[in-house]
C-alpha cells in the first residue's frame, strides 16, 4: 500500500487519502496528481451529510 496523503485542499484537517492520487516529479519539483478531484469532493460532502457529528 502506498503512503497516505493528508488532503487539506478541501479545507478540512482530517481527510487522508489511501488511493486515487499519484506523486509525480515535475521540472519544478515533486507534485501530487488527484485522479478525480470533483468526485473526491462529492464523496467528502456526502460523507459529511450522512454521518452524525
Protein backbone atom coordinates (compact mmCIF):
# COMPACT_ATOMS: atom_id res chain seq x y z
CA UNK A 1 0.00 0.00 0.00
CA UNK A 2 1.28 3.47 -0.80
CA UNK A 3 1.70 6.17 1.80
CA UNK A 4 -1.34 8.15 2.87
CA UNK A 5 -1.87 11.66 1.56
CA UNK A 6 -3.06 14.31 4.01
CA UNK A 7 -5.51 16.09 1.71
CA UNK A 8 -6.08 19.63 3.00
CA UNK A 9 -7.15 21.37 -0.23
CA UNK A 10 -10.80 20.77 0.67
CA UNK A 11 -10.45 22.95 3.76
CA UNK A 12 -10.79 20.09 6.23
CA UNK A 13 -7.98 18.97 8.51
CA UNK A 14 -8.97 15.31 8.86
CA UNK A 15 -9.07 13.96 5.29
CA UNK A 16 -6.50 11.31 4.38
CA UNK A 17 -6.36 9.53 1.01
CA UNK A 18 -5.04 6.00 0.59
CA UNK A 19 -5.52 5.88 -3.19
CA UNK A 20 -6.71 7.93 -6.16
CA UNK A 21 -3.58 10.05 -6.24
CA UNK A 22 -0.12 9.86 -7.73
CA UNK A 23 3.13 11.51 -6.70
CA UNK A 24 4.93 12.96 -9.73
CA UNK A 25 8.21 14.67 -10.43
CA UNK A 26 7.92 17.89 -12.43
CA UNK A 27 10.53 20.36 -13.63
CA UNK A 28 9.51 22.43 -10.56
CA UNK A 29 9.81 19.60 -8.01
CA UNK A 30 7.51 16.98 -6.55
CA UNK A 31 3.75 17.29 -7.14
CA UNK A 32 0.61 15.29 -6.39
CA UNK A 33 -1.99 14.48 -9.02
CA UNK A 34 -5.55 13.65 -7.85
CA UNK A 35 -7.37 11.31 -10.27
CA UNK A 36 -10.89 12.79 -9.80
CA UNK A 37 -10.97 15.94 -7.67
CA UNK A 38 -14.65 16.62 -8.37
CA UNK A 39 -15.62 13.07 -7.41
CA UNK A 40 -13.44 13.26 -4.31
CA UNK A 41 -15.10 16.48 -3.15
CA UNK A 42 -18.53 14.98 -3.80
CA UNK A 43 -17.63 11.88 -1.75
CA UNK A 44 -16.33 14.03 1.12
CA UNK A 45 -19.53 16.11 1.08
CA UNK A 46 -21.78 13.05 1.03
CA UNK A 47 -19.82 11.51 3.89
CA UNK A 48 -20.27 14.66 5.99
CA UNK A 49 -24.01 14.82 5.21
CA UNK A 50 -24.63 11.16 6.01
CA UNK A 51 -22.70 10.81 9.29
CA UNK A 52 -23.62 12.13 12.68
CA UNK A 53 -21.19 14.51 14.30
